[in-house]
């Protein structure tokens, strides 16, 4: 059984990795020039896209906050709040997967 520190570290790492991979899949699916582009015409396809956004959210939010930190168009409190939300979201995602695998 994992102790608390290992659970936090593995949950964060697993959440960031899953989010990064799904973010790349989301980019392939929504890019109009990609071979894997999906024309969203039904509710099932729309639900699939929303599911991808939920899983890819931490990576997308991290990239947006990092870009805003470099450009300086958001206040610092917004940027660091986005980073904090990204960490929590990644941990929740990774923890859910850990609970499914290590039961």
PDB file of N, CA and C in Angstrom:
ATOM      1  N   UNK A   1       0.839  -1.186   0.000  1.00  0.00           N
ATOM      2  CA  UNK A   1       0.000   0.000   0.000  1.00  0.00           C
ATOM      3  C   UNK A   1       0.878   1.242   0.000  1.00  0.00           C
ATOM      4  N   UNK A   2       0.468   2.252  -0.712  1.00  0.00           N
ATOM      5  CA  UNK A   2       1.225   3.490  -0.821  1.00  0.00           C
ATOM      6  C   UNK A   2       0.981   4.376   0.399  1.00  0.00           C
ATOM      7  N   UNK A   3       2.043   5.014   0.902  1.00  0.00           N
ATOM      8  CA  UNK A   3       1.827   5.976   1.971  1.00  0.00           C
ATOM      9  C   UNK A   3       1.403   7.319   1.372  1.00  0.00           C
ATOM     10  N   UNK A   4       1.165   8.310   2.211  1.00  0.00           N
ATOM     11  CA  UNK A   4       0.580   9.575   1.764  1.00  0.00           C
ATOM     12  C   UNK A   4       1.486  10.344   0.803  1.00  0.00           C
ATOM     13  N   UNK A   5       2.775  10.424   1.113  1.00  0.00           N
ATOM     14  CA  UNK A   5       3.694  11.183   0.249  1.00  0.00           C
ATOM     15  C   UNK A   5       3.818  10.541  -1.128  1.00  0.00           C
ATOM     16  N   UNK A   6       3.918   9.225  -1.168  1.00  0.00           N
ATOM     17  CA  UNK A   6       4.004   8.540  -2.454  1.00  0.00           C
ATOM     18  C   UNK A   6       2.719   8.706  -3.251  1.00  0.00           C
ATOM     19  N   UNK A   7       1.601   8.683  -2.571  1.00  0.00           N
ATOM     20  CA  UNK A   7       0.322   8.863  -3.253  1.00  0.00           C
ATOM     21  C   UNK A   7       0.242  10.242  -3.893  1.00  0.00           C
ATOM     22  N   UNK A   8       0.681  11.262  -3.166  1.00  0.00           N
ATOM     23  CA  UNK A   8       0.646  12.624  -3.707  1.00  0.00           C
ATOM     24  C   UNK A   8       1.577  12.755  -4.907  1.00  0.00           C
ATOM     25  N   UNK A   9       2.800  12.250  -4.776  1.00  0.00           N
ATOM     26  CA  UNK A   9       3.778  12.368  -5.865  1.00  0.00           C
ATOM     27  C   UNK A   9       3.326  11.586  -7.091  1.00  0.00           C
ATOM     28  N   UNK A  10       2.926  10.332  -6.897  1.00  0.00           N
ATOM     29  CA  UNK A  10       2.489   9.524  -8.028  1.00  0.00           C
ATOM     30  C   UNK A  10       1.193  10.052  -8.633  1.00  0.00           C
ATOM     31  N   UNK A  11       0.292  10.551  -7.799  1.00  0.00           N
ATOM     32  CA  UNK A  11      -0.954  11.119  -8.311  1.00  0.00           C
ATOM     33  C   UNK A  11      -0.697  12.338  -9.178  1.00  0.00           C
ATOM     34  N   UNK A  12       0.184  13.241  -8.715  1.00  0.00           N
ATOM     35  CA  UNK A  12       0.520  14.423  -9.514  1.00  0.00           C
ATOM     36  C   UNK A  12       1.204  14.044 -10.821  1.00  0.00           C
ATOM     37  N   UNK A  13       2.188  13.168 -10.724  1.00  0.00           N
ATOM     38  CA  UNK A  13       2.930  12.778 -11.932  1.00  0.00           C
ATOM     39  C   UNK A  13       2.008  12.081 -12.936  1.00  0.00           C
ATOM     40  N   UNK A  14       1.210  11.160 -12.450  1.00  0.00           N
ATOM     41  CA  UNK A  14       0.308  10.436 -13.340  1.00  0.00           C
ATOM     42  C   UNK A  14      -0.734  11.365 -13.951  1.00  0.00           C
ATOM     43  N   UNK A  15      -1.243  12.306 -13.165  1.00  0.00           N
ATOM     44  CA  UNK A  15      -2.224  13.264 -13.686  1.00  0.00           C
ATOM     45  C   UNK A  15      -1.636  14.157 -14.759  1.00  0.00           C
ATOM     46  N   UNK A  16      -0.396  14.644 -14.553  1.00  0.00           N
ATOM     47  CA  UNK A  16       0.244  15.482 -15.568  1.00  0.00           C
ATOM     48  C   UNK A  16       0.527  14.698 -16.846  1.00  0.00           C
ATOM     49  N   UNK A  17       0.961  13.460 -16.711  1.00  0.00           N
ATOM     50  CA  UNK A  17       1.268  12.649 -17.896  1.00  0.00           C
ATOM     51  C   UNK A  17      -0.004  12.346 -18.686  1.00  0.00           C
ATOM     52  N   UNK A  18      -1.036  11.927 -17.992  1.00  0.00           N
ATOM     53  CA  UNK A  18      -2.300  11.627 -18.676  1.00  0.00           C
ATOM     54  C   UNK A  18      -2.840  12.883 -19.354  1.00  0.00           C
ATOM     55  N   UNK A  19      -2.772  13.997 -18.655  1.00  0.00           N
ATOM     56  CA  UNK A  19      -3.266  15.254 -19.219  1.00  0.00           C
ATOM     57  C   UNK A  19      -2.474  15.665 -20.455  1.00  0.00           C
ATOM     58  N   UNK A  20      -1.163  15.495 -20.434  1.00  0.00           N
ATOM     59  CA  UNK A  20      -0.341  15.846 -21.593  1.00  0.00           C
ATOM     60  C   UNK A  20      -0.640  14.974 -22.801  1.00  0.00           C
ATOM     61  N   UNK A  21      -0.805  13.682 -22.569  1.00  0.00           N
ATOM     62  CA  UNK A  21      -1.099  12.763 -23.674  1.00  0.00           C
ATOM     63  C   UNK A  21      -2.484  13.060 -24.260  1.00  0.00           C
ATOM     64  N   UNK A  22      -3.467  13.233 -23.397  1.00  0.00           N
ATOM     65  CA  UNK A  22      -4.827  13.502 -23.879  1.00  0.00           C
ATOM     66  C   UNK A  22      -4.904  14.874 -24.545  1.00  0.00           C
ATOM     67  N   UNK A  23      -4.088  15.825 -24.092  1.00  0.00           N
ATOM     68  CA  UNK A  23      -4.042  17.133 -24.728  1.00  0.00           C
ATOM     69  C   UNK A  23      -3.563  17.024 -26.172  1.00  0.00           C
ATOM     70  N   UNK A  24      -2.588  16.181 -26.420  1.00  0.00           N
ATOM     71  CA  UNK A  24      -2.132  15.966 -27.793  1.00  0.00           C
ATOM     72  C   UNK A  24      -3.192  15.267 -28.633  1.00  0.00           C
ATOM     73  N   UNK A  25      -3.914  14.325 -28.049  1.00  0.00           N
ATOM     74  CA  UNK A  25      -5.013  13.668 -28.762  1.00  0.00           C
ATOM     75  C   UNK A  25      -6.109  14.687 -29.075  1.00  0.00           C
ATOM     76  N   UNK A  26      -6.411  15.557 -28.106  1.00  0.00           N
ATOM     77  CA  UNK A  26      -7.419  16.604 -28.317  1.00  0.00           C
ATOM     78  C   UNK A  26      -7.013  17.528 -29.453  1.00  0.00           C
ATOM     79  N   UNK A  27      -5.736  17.867 -29.527  1.00  0.00           N
ATOM     80  CA  UNK A  27      -5.256  18.728 -30.606  1.00  0.00           C
ATOM     81  C   UNK A  27      -5.397  18.033 -31.958  1.00  0.00           C
ATOM     82  N   UNK A  28      -5.120  16.736 -32.011  1.00  0.00           N
ATOM     83  CA  UNK A  28      -5.287  16.000 -33.266  1.00  0.00           C
ATOM     84  C   UNK A  28      -6.746  15.937 -33.695  1.00  0.00           C
ATOM     85  N   UNK A  29      -7.633  15.745 -32.739  1.00  0.00           N
ATOM     86  CA  UNK A  29      -9.051  15.568 -33.052  1.00  0.00           C
ATOM     87  C   UNK A  29      -9.699  16.888 -33.463  1.00  0.00           C
ATOM     88  N   UNK A  30      -9.240  18.009 -32.897  1.00  0.00           N
ATOM     89  CA  UNK A  30      -9.883  19.287 -33.201  1.00  0.00           C
ATOM     90  C   UNK A  30      -9.202  20.062 -34.313  1.00  0.00           C
ATOM     91  N   UNK A  31      -8.037  19.623 -34.755  1.00  0.00           N
ATOM     92  CA  UNK A  31      -7.332  20.305 -35.845  1.00  0.00           C
ATOM     93  C   UNK A  31      -8.006  19.945 -37.167  1.00  0.00           C
ATOM     94  N   UNK A  32      -8.426  20.947 -37.914  1.00  0.00           N
ATOM     95  CA  UNK A  32      -9.144  20.712 -39.162  1.00  0.00           C
ATOM     96  C   UNK A  32      -8.306  20.077 -40.247  1.00  0.00           C
ATOM     97  N   UNK A  33      -6.978  20.195 -40.174  1.00  0.00           N
ATOM     98  CA  UNK A  33      -6.106  19.636 -41.194  1.00  0.00           C
ATOM     99  C   UNK A  33      -5.584  18.259 -40.830  1.00  0.00           C
ATOM    100  N   UNK A  34      -5.940  17.748 -39.662  1.00  0.00           N
ATOM    101  CA  UNK A  34      -5.460  16.452 -39.211  1.00  0.00           C
ATOM    102  C   UNK A  34      -6.260  15.323 -39.852  1.00  0.00           C
ATOM    103  N   UNK A  35      -5.623  14.187 -39.975  1.00  0.00           N
ATOM    104  CA  UNK A  35      -6.297  12.994 -40.499  1.00  0.00           C
ATOM    105  C   UNK A  35      -7.352  12.517 -39.503  1.00  0.00           C
ATOM    106  N   UNK A  36      -7.135  12.760 -38.219  1.00  0.00           N
ATOM    107  CA  UNK A  36      -8.018  12.275 -37.161  1.00  0.00           C
ATOM    108  C   UNK A  36      -9.096  13.291 -36.767  1.00  0.00           C
ATOM    109  N   UNK A  37      -9.301  14.324 -37.586  1.00  0.00           N
ATOM    110  CA  UNK A  37     -10.279  15.369 -37.278  1.00  0.00           C
ATOM    111  C   UNK A  37     -11.679  14.782 -37.199  1.00  0.00           C
ATOM    112  N   UNK A  38     -12.412  15.212 -36.187  1.00  0.00           N
ATOM    113  CA  UNK A  38     -13.789  14.753 -35.995  1.00  0.00           C
ATOM    114  C   UNK A  38     -14.731  15.933 -36.236  1.00  0.00           C
ATOM    115  N   UNK A  39     -15.676  15.752 -37.146  1.00  0.00           N
ATOM    116  CA  UNK A  39     -16.734  16.727 -37.347  1.00  0.00           C
ATOM    117  C   UNK A  39     -17.799  16.457 -36.287  1.00  0.00           C
ATOM    118  N   UNK A  40     -17.990  17.368 -35.373  1.00  0.00           N
ATOM    119  CA  UNK A  40     -18.935  17.170 -34.274  1.00  0.00           C
ATOM    120  C   UNK A  40     -20.341  17.431 -34.786  1.00  0.00           C
ATOM    121  N   UNK A  41     -21.088  16.335 -34.971  1.00  0.00           N
ATOM    122  CA  UNK A  41     -22.441  16.439 -35.503  1.00  0.00           C
ATOM    123  C   UNK A  41     -23.477  15.786 -34.602  1.00  0.00           C
ATOM    124  N   UNK A  42     -23.046  15.001 -33.634  1.00  0.00           N
ATOM    125  CA  UNK A  42     -24.009  14.312 -32.775  1.00  0.00           C
ATOM    126  C   UNK A  42     -23.671  14.572 -31.305  1.00  0.00           C
ATOM    127  N   UNK A  43     -24.587  14.209 -30.451  1.00  0.00           N
ATOM    128  CA  UNK A  43     -24.380  14.393 -29.015  1.00  0.00           C
ATOM    129  C   UNK A  43     -23.290  13.466 -28.484  1.00  0.00           C
ATOM    130  N   UNK A  44     -23.135  12.304 -29.061  1.00  0.00           N
ATOM    131  CA  UNK A  44     -22.097  11.376 -28.621  1.00  0.00           C
ATOM    132  C   UNK A  44     -20.709  11.945 -28.927  1.00  0.00           C
ATOM    133  N   UNK A  45     -20.557  12.517 -30.102  1.00  0.00           N
ATOM    134  CA  UNK A  45     -19.278  13.140 -30.451  1.00  0.00           C
ATOM    135  C   UNK A  45     -19.007  14.357 -29.572  1.00  0.00           C
ATOM    136  N   UNK A  46     -20.032  15.125 -29.280  1.00  0.00           N
ATOM    137  CA  UNK A  46     -19.884  16.289 -28.398  1.00  0.00           C
ATOM    138  C   UNK A  46     -19.481  15.840 -26.999  1.00  0.00           C
ATOM    139  N   UNK A  47     -20.071  14.766 -26.507  1.00  0.00           N
ATOM    140  CA  UNK A  47     -19.720  14.223 -25.196  1.00  0.00           C
ATOM    141  C   UNK A  47     -18.285  13.708 -25.182  1.00  0.00           C
ATOM    142  N   UNK A  48     -17.839  13.124 -26.283  1.00  0.00           N
ATOM    143  CA  UNK A  48     -16.457  12.664 -26.413  1.00  0.00           C
ATOM    144  C   UNK A  48     -15.482  13.839 -26.327  1.00  0.00           C
ATOM    145  N   UNK A  49     -15.800  14.937 -26.998  1.00  0.00           N
ATOM    146  CA  UNK A  49     -14.943  16.128 -26.960  1.00  0.00           C
ATOM    147  C   UNK A  49     -14.916  16.719 -25.552  1.00  0.00           C
ATOM    148  N   UNK A  50     -16.039  16.765 -24.876  1.00  0.00           N
ATOM    149  CA  UNK A  50     -16.080  17.285 -23.507  1.00  0.00           C
ATOM    150  C   UNK A  50     -15.258  16.395 -22.576  1.00  0.00           C
ATOM    151  N   UNK A  51     -15.330  15.091 -22.762  1.00  0.00           N
ATOM    152  CA  UNK A  51     -14.512  14.174 -21.970  1.00  0.00           C
ATOM    153  C   UNK A  51     -13.023  14.398 -22.199  1.00  0.00           C
ATOM    154  N   UNK A  52     -12.651  14.627 -23.452  1.00  0.00           N
ATOM    155  CA  UNK A  52     -11.250  14.929 -23.743  1.00  0.00           C
ATOM    156  C   UNK A  52     -10.814  16.233 -23.083  1.00  0.00           C
ATOM    157  N   UNK A  53     -11.687  17.233 -23.093  1.00  0.00           N
ATOM    158  CA  UNK A  53     -11.347  18.513 -22.465  1.00  0.00           C
ATOM    159  C   UNK A  53     -11.177  18.343 -20.958  1.00  0.00           C
ATOM    160  N   UNK A  54     -12.021  17.544 -20.339  1.00  0.00           N
ATOM    161  CA  UNK A  54     -11.896  17.313 -18.893  1.00  0.00           C
ATOM    162  C   UNK A  54     -10.579  16.628 -18.572  1.00  0.00           C
ATOM    163  N   UNK A  55     -10.181  15.663 -19.378  1.00  0.00           N
ATOM    164  CA  UNK A  55      -8.920  14.955 -19.121  1.00  0.00           C
ATOM    165  C   UNK A  55      -7.706  15.792 -19.508  1.00  0.00           C
ATOM    166  N   UNK A  56      -7.825  16.622 -20.528  1.00  0.00           N
ATOM    167  CA  UNK A  56      -6.694  17.426 -20.996  1.00  0.00           C
ATOM    168  C   UNK A  56      -6.611  18.778 -20.305  1.00  0.00           C
ATOM    169  N   UNK A  57      -7.578  19.101 -19.487  1.00  0.00           N
ATOM    170  CA  UNK A  57      -7.670  20.407 -18.861  1.00  0.00           C
ATOM    171  C   UNK A  57      -6.441  20.882 -18.111  1.00  0.00           C
ATOM    172  N   UNK A  58      -5.827  20.061 -17.257  1.00  0.00           N
ATOM    173  CA  UNK A  58      -4.654  20.561 -16.529  1.00  0.00           C
ATOM    174  C   UNK A  58      -3.514  20.998 -17.437  1.00  0.00           C
ATOM    175  N   UNK A  59      -3.263  20.269 -18.496  1.00  0.00           N
ATOM    176  CA  UNK A  59      -2.175  20.622 -19.406  1.00  0.00           C
ATOM    177  C   UNK A  59      -2.508  21.894 -20.181  1.00  0.00           C
ATOM    178  N   UNK A  60      -3.731  22.018 -20.631  1.00  0.00           N
ATOM    179  CA  UNK A  60      -4.153  23.216 -21.361  1.00  0.00           C
ATOM    180  C   UNK A  60      -4.101  24.434 -20.453  1.00  0.00           C
ATOM    181  N   UNK A  61      -4.563  24.286 -19.226  1.00  0.00           N
ATOM    182  CA  UNK A  61      -4.533  25.389 -18.272  1.00  0.00           C
ATOM    183  C   UNK A  61      -3.099  25.771 -17.909  1.00  0.00           C
ATOM    184  N   UNK A  62      -2.236  24.782 -17.757  1.00  0.00           N
ATOM    185  CA  UNK A  62      -0.832  25.061 -17.449  1.00  0.00           C
ATOM    186  C   UNK A  62      -0.167  25.838 -18.582  1.00  0.00           C
ATOM    187  N   UNK A  63      -0.428  25.432 -19.828  1.00  0.00           N
ATOM    188  CA  UNK A  63       0.157  26.153 -20.964  1.00  0.00           C
ATOM    189  C   UNK A  63      -0.350  27.578 -21.048  1.00  0.00           C
ATOM    190  N   UNK A  64      -1.637  27.783 -20.792  1.00  0.00           N
ATOM    191  CA  UNK A  64      -2.199  29.139 -20.839  1.00  0.00           C
ATOM    192  C   UNK A  64      -1.619  30.018 -19.731  1.00  0.00           C
ATOM    193  N   UNK A  65      -1.477  29.459 -18.533  1.00  0.00           N
ATOM    194  CA  UNK A  65      -0.921  30.237 -17.429  1.00  0.00           C
ATOM    195  C   UNK A  65       0.552  30.538 -17.666  1.00  0.00           C
ATOM    196  N   UNK A  66       1.281  29.595 -18.209  1.00  0.00           N
ATOM    197  CA  UNK A  66       2.700  29.810 -18.495  1.00  0.00           C
ATOM    198  C   UNK A  66       2.881  30.878 -19.574  1.00  0.00           C
ATOM    199  N   UNK A  67       2.051  30.830 -20.601  1.00  0.00           N
ATOM    200  CA  UNK A  67       2.120  31.841 -21.660  1.00  0.00           C
ATOM    201  C   UNK A  67       1.779  33.228 -21.101  1.00  0.00           C
ATOM    202  N   UNK A  68       0.772  33.295 -20.238  1.00  0.00           N
ATOM    203  CA  UNK A  68       0.395  34.575 -19.649  1.00  0.00           C
ATOM    204  C   UNK A  68       1.447  35.082 -18.678  1.00  0.00           C
ATOM    205  N   UNK A  69       2.155  34.183 -18.027  1.00  0.00           N
ATOM    206  CA  UNK A  69       3.242  34.591 -17.143  1.00  0.00           C
ATOM    207  C   UNK A  69       4.383  35.208 -17.945  1.00  0.00           C
ATOM    208  N   UNK A  70       4.663  34.651 -19.121  1.00  0.00           N
ATOM    209  CA  UNK A  70       5.729  35.186 -19.965  1.00  0.00           C
ATOM    210  C   UNK A  70       5.330  36.500 -20.623  1.00  0.00           C
ATOM    211  N   UNK A  71       4.089  36.587 -21.105  1.00  0.00           N
ATOM    212  CA  UNK A  71       3.626  37.793 -21.792  1.00  0.00           C
ATOM    213  C   UNK A  71       3.283  38.886 -20.788  1.00  0.00           C
ATOM    214  N   UNK A  72       2.651  38.517 -19.702  1.00  0.00           N
ATOM    215  CA  UNK A  72       2.282  39.479 -18.681  1.00  0.00           C
ATOM    216  C   UNK A  72       0.920  40.108 -18.883  1.00  0.00           C
ATOM    217  N   UNK A  73       0.023  39.432 -19.610  1.00  0.00           N
ATOM    218  CA  UNK A  73      -1.295  40.010 -19.858  1.00  0.00           C
ATOM    219  C   UNK A  73      -2.308  39.715 -18.755  1.00  0.00           C
ATOM    220  N   UNK A  74      -2.028  38.758 -17.870  1.00  0.00           N
ATOM    221  CA  UNK A  74      -2.883  38.480 -16.724  1.00  0.00           C
ATOM    222  C   UNK A  74      -2.200  38.980 -15.462  1.00  0.00           C
ATOM    223  N   UNK A  75      -2.978  39.338 -14.445  1.00  0.00           N
ATOM    224  CA  UNK A  75      -2.357  39.656 -13.157  1.00  0.00           C
ATOM    225  C   UNK A  75      -1.697  38.407 -12.560  1.00  0.00           C
ATOM    226  N   UNK A  76      -0.692  38.627 -11.731  1.00  0.00           N
ATOM    227  CA  UNK A  76       0.056  37.502 -11.154  1.00  0.00           C
ATOM    228  C   UNK A  76      -0.836  36.599 -10.315  1.00  0.00           C
ATOM    229  N   UNK A  77      -1.833  37.167  -9.659  1.00  0.00           N
ATOM    230  CA  UNK A  77      -2.719  36.338  -8.832  1.00  0.00           C
ATOM    231  C   UNK A  77      -3.529  35.365  -9.693  1.00  0.00           C
ATOM    232  N   UNK A  78      -3.941  35.780 -10.881  1.00  0.00           N
ATOM    233  CA  UNK A  78      -4.660  34.886 -11.792  1.00  0.00           C
ATOM    234  C   UNK A  78      -3.756  33.758 -12.268  1.00  0.00           C
ATOM    235  N   UNK A  79      -2.523  34.107 -12.600  1.00  0.00           N
ATOM    236  CA  UNK A  79      -1.587  33.109 -13.110  1.00  0.00           C
ATOM    237  C   UNK A  79      -1.303  32.053 -12.048  1.00  0.00           C
ATOM    238  N   UNK A  80      -1.025  32.484 -10.831  1.00  0.00           N
ATOM    239  CA  UNK A  80      -0.706  31.516  -9.786  1.00  0.00           C
ATOM    240  C   UNK A  80      -1.936  30.741  -9.325  1.00  0.00           C
ATOM    241  N   UNK A  81      -3.115  31.348  -9.419  1.00  0.00           N
ATOM    242  CA  UNK A  81      -4.343  30.609  -9.145  1.00  0.00           C
ATOM    243  C   UNK A  81      -4.564  29.525 -10.204  1.00  0.00           C
ATOM    244  N   UNK A  82      -4.234  29.818 -11.455  1.00  0.00           N
ATOM    245  CA  UNK A  82      -4.342  28.813 -12.523  1.00  0.00           C
ATOM    246  C   UNK A  82      -3.346  27.682 -12.311  1.00  0.00           C
ATOM    247  N   UNK A  83      -2.125  28.024 -11.886  1.00  0.00           N
ATOM    248  CA  UNK A  83      -1.141  26.981 -11.585  1.00  0.00           C
ATOM    249  C   UNK A  83      -1.624  26.098 -10.430  1.00  0.00           C
ATOM    250  N   UNK A  84      -2.203  26.713  -9.402  1.00  0.00           N
ATOM    251  CA  UNK A  84      -2.705  25.942  -8.260  1.00  0.00           C
ATOM    252  C   UNK A  84      -3.870  25.040  -8.675  1.00  0.00           C
ATOM    253  N   UNK A  85      -4.774  25.573  -9.495  1.00  0.00           N
ATOM    254  CA  UNK A  85      -5.884  24.764  -9.988  1.00  0.00           C
ATOM    255  C   UNK A  85      -5.382  23.613 -10.847  1.00  0.00           C
ATOM    256  N   UNK A  86      -4.344  23.870 -11.630  1.00  0.00           N
ATOM    257  CA  UNK A  86      -3.750  22.835 -12.468  1.00  0.00           C
ATOM    258  C   UNK A  86      -3.178  21.708 -11.615  1.00  0.00           C
ATOM    259  N   UNK A  87      -2.504  22.052 -10.525  1.00  0.00           N
ATOM    260  CA  UNK A  87      -1.925  21.040  -9.640  1.00  0.00           C
ATOM    261  C   UNK A  87      -3.029  20.209  -8.985  1.00  0.00           C
ATOM    262  N   UNK A  88      -4.067  20.875  -8.504  1.00  0.00           N
ATOM    263  CA  UNK A  88      -5.159  20.143  -7.854  1.00  0.00           C
ATOM    264  C   UNK A  88      -5.885  19.253  -8.849  1.00  0.00           C
ATOM    265  N   UNK A  89      -6.172  19.775 -10.035  1.00  0.00           N
ATOM    266  CA  UNK A  89      -6.874  19.020 -11.071  1.00  0.00           C
ATOM    267  C   UNK A  89      -6.046  17.807 -11.499  1.00  0.00           C
ATOM    268  N   UNK A  90      -4.748  17.992 -11.658  1.00  0.00           N
ATOM    269  CA  UNK A  90      -3.876  16.874 -12.030  1.00  0.00           C
ATOM    270  C   UNK A  90      -3.840  15.823 -10.940  1.00  0.00           C
ATOM    271  N   UNK A  91      -3.785  16.262  -9.688  1.00  0.00           N
ATOM    272  CA  UNK A  91      -3.764  15.297  -8.598  1.00  0.00           C
ATOM    273  C   UNK A  91      -5.048  14.492  -8.544  1.00  0.00           C
ATOM    274  N   UNK A  92      -6.189  15.160  -8.711  1.00  0.00           N
ATOM    275  CA  UNK A  92      -7.465  14.443  -8.681  1.00  0.00           C
ATOM    276  C   UNK A  92      -7.532  13.425  -9.816  1.00  0.00           C
ATOM    277  N   UNK A  93      -7.107  13.825 -10.988  1.00  0.00           N
ATOM    278  CA  UNK A  93      -7.090  12.919 -12.136  1.00  0.00           C
ATOM    279  C   UNK A  93      -6.164  11.730 -11.884  1.00  0.00           C
ATOM    280  N   UNK A  94      -4.943  12.005 -11.422  1.00  0.00           N
ATOM    281  CA  UNK A  94      -3.998  10.930 -11.142  1.00  0.00           C
ATOM    282  C   UNK A  94      -4.436  10.057  -9.993  1.00  0.00           C
ATOM    283  N   UNK A  95      -5.039  10.643  -8.959  1.00  0.00           N
ATOM    284  CA  UNK A  95      -5.498   9.862  -7.814  1.00  0.00           C
ATOM    285  C   UNK A  95      -6.620   8.916  -8.216  1.00  0.00           C
ATOM    286  N   UNK A  96      -7.536   9.391  -9.071  1.00  0.00           N
ATOM    287  CA  UNK A  96      -8.618   8.512  -9.543  1.00  0.00           C
ATOM    288  C   UNK A  96      -8.058   7.316 -10.305  1.00  0.00           C
ATOM    289  N   UNK A  97      -7.063   7.554 -11.142  1.00  0.00           N
ATOM    290  CA  UNK A  97      -6.460   6.448 -11.881  1.00  0.00           C
ATOM    291  C   UNK A  97      -5.703   5.520 -10.936  1.00  0.00           C
ATOM    292  N   UNK A  98      -5.007   6.071  -9.948  1.00  0.00           N
ATOM    293  CA  UNK A  98      -4.303   5.248  -8.967  1.00  0.00           C
ATOM    294  C   UNK A  98      -5.279   4.368  -8.193  1.00  0.00           C
ATOM    295  N   UNK A  99      -6.422   4.921  -7.820  1.00  0.00           N
ATOM    296  CA  UNK A  99      -7.407   4.140  -7.073  1.00  0.00           C
ATOM    297  C   UNK A  99      -7.989   3.021  -7.919  1.00  0.00           C
ATOM    298  N   UNK A 100      -8.085   3.256  -9.226  1.00  0.00           N
ATOM    299  CA  UNK A 100      -8.576   2.194 -10.102  1.00  0.00           C
ATOM    300  C   UNK A 100      -7.552   1.079 -10.267  1.00  0.00           C
ATOM    301  N   UNK A 101      -6.262   1.458 -10.325  1.00  0.00           N
ATOM    302  CA  UNK A 101      -5.208   0.470 -10.553  1.00  0.00           C
ATOM    303  C   UNK A 101      -4.799  -0.228  -9.269  1.00  0.00           C
ATOM    304  N   UNK A 102      -4.594   0.533  -8.194  1.00  0.00           N
ATOM    305  CA  UNK A 102      -4.150  -0.029  -6.911  1.00  0.00           C
ATOM    306  C   UNK A 102      -5.352  -0.103  -5.996  1.00  0.00           C
ATOM    307  N   UNK A 103      -6.088  -1.159  -6.113  1.00  0.00           N
ATOM    308  CA  UNK A 103      -7.311  -1.301  -5.294  1.00  0.00           C
ATOM    309  C   UNK A 103      -7.117  -2.158  -4.092  1.00  0.00           C
TER     310      UNK A 103
END
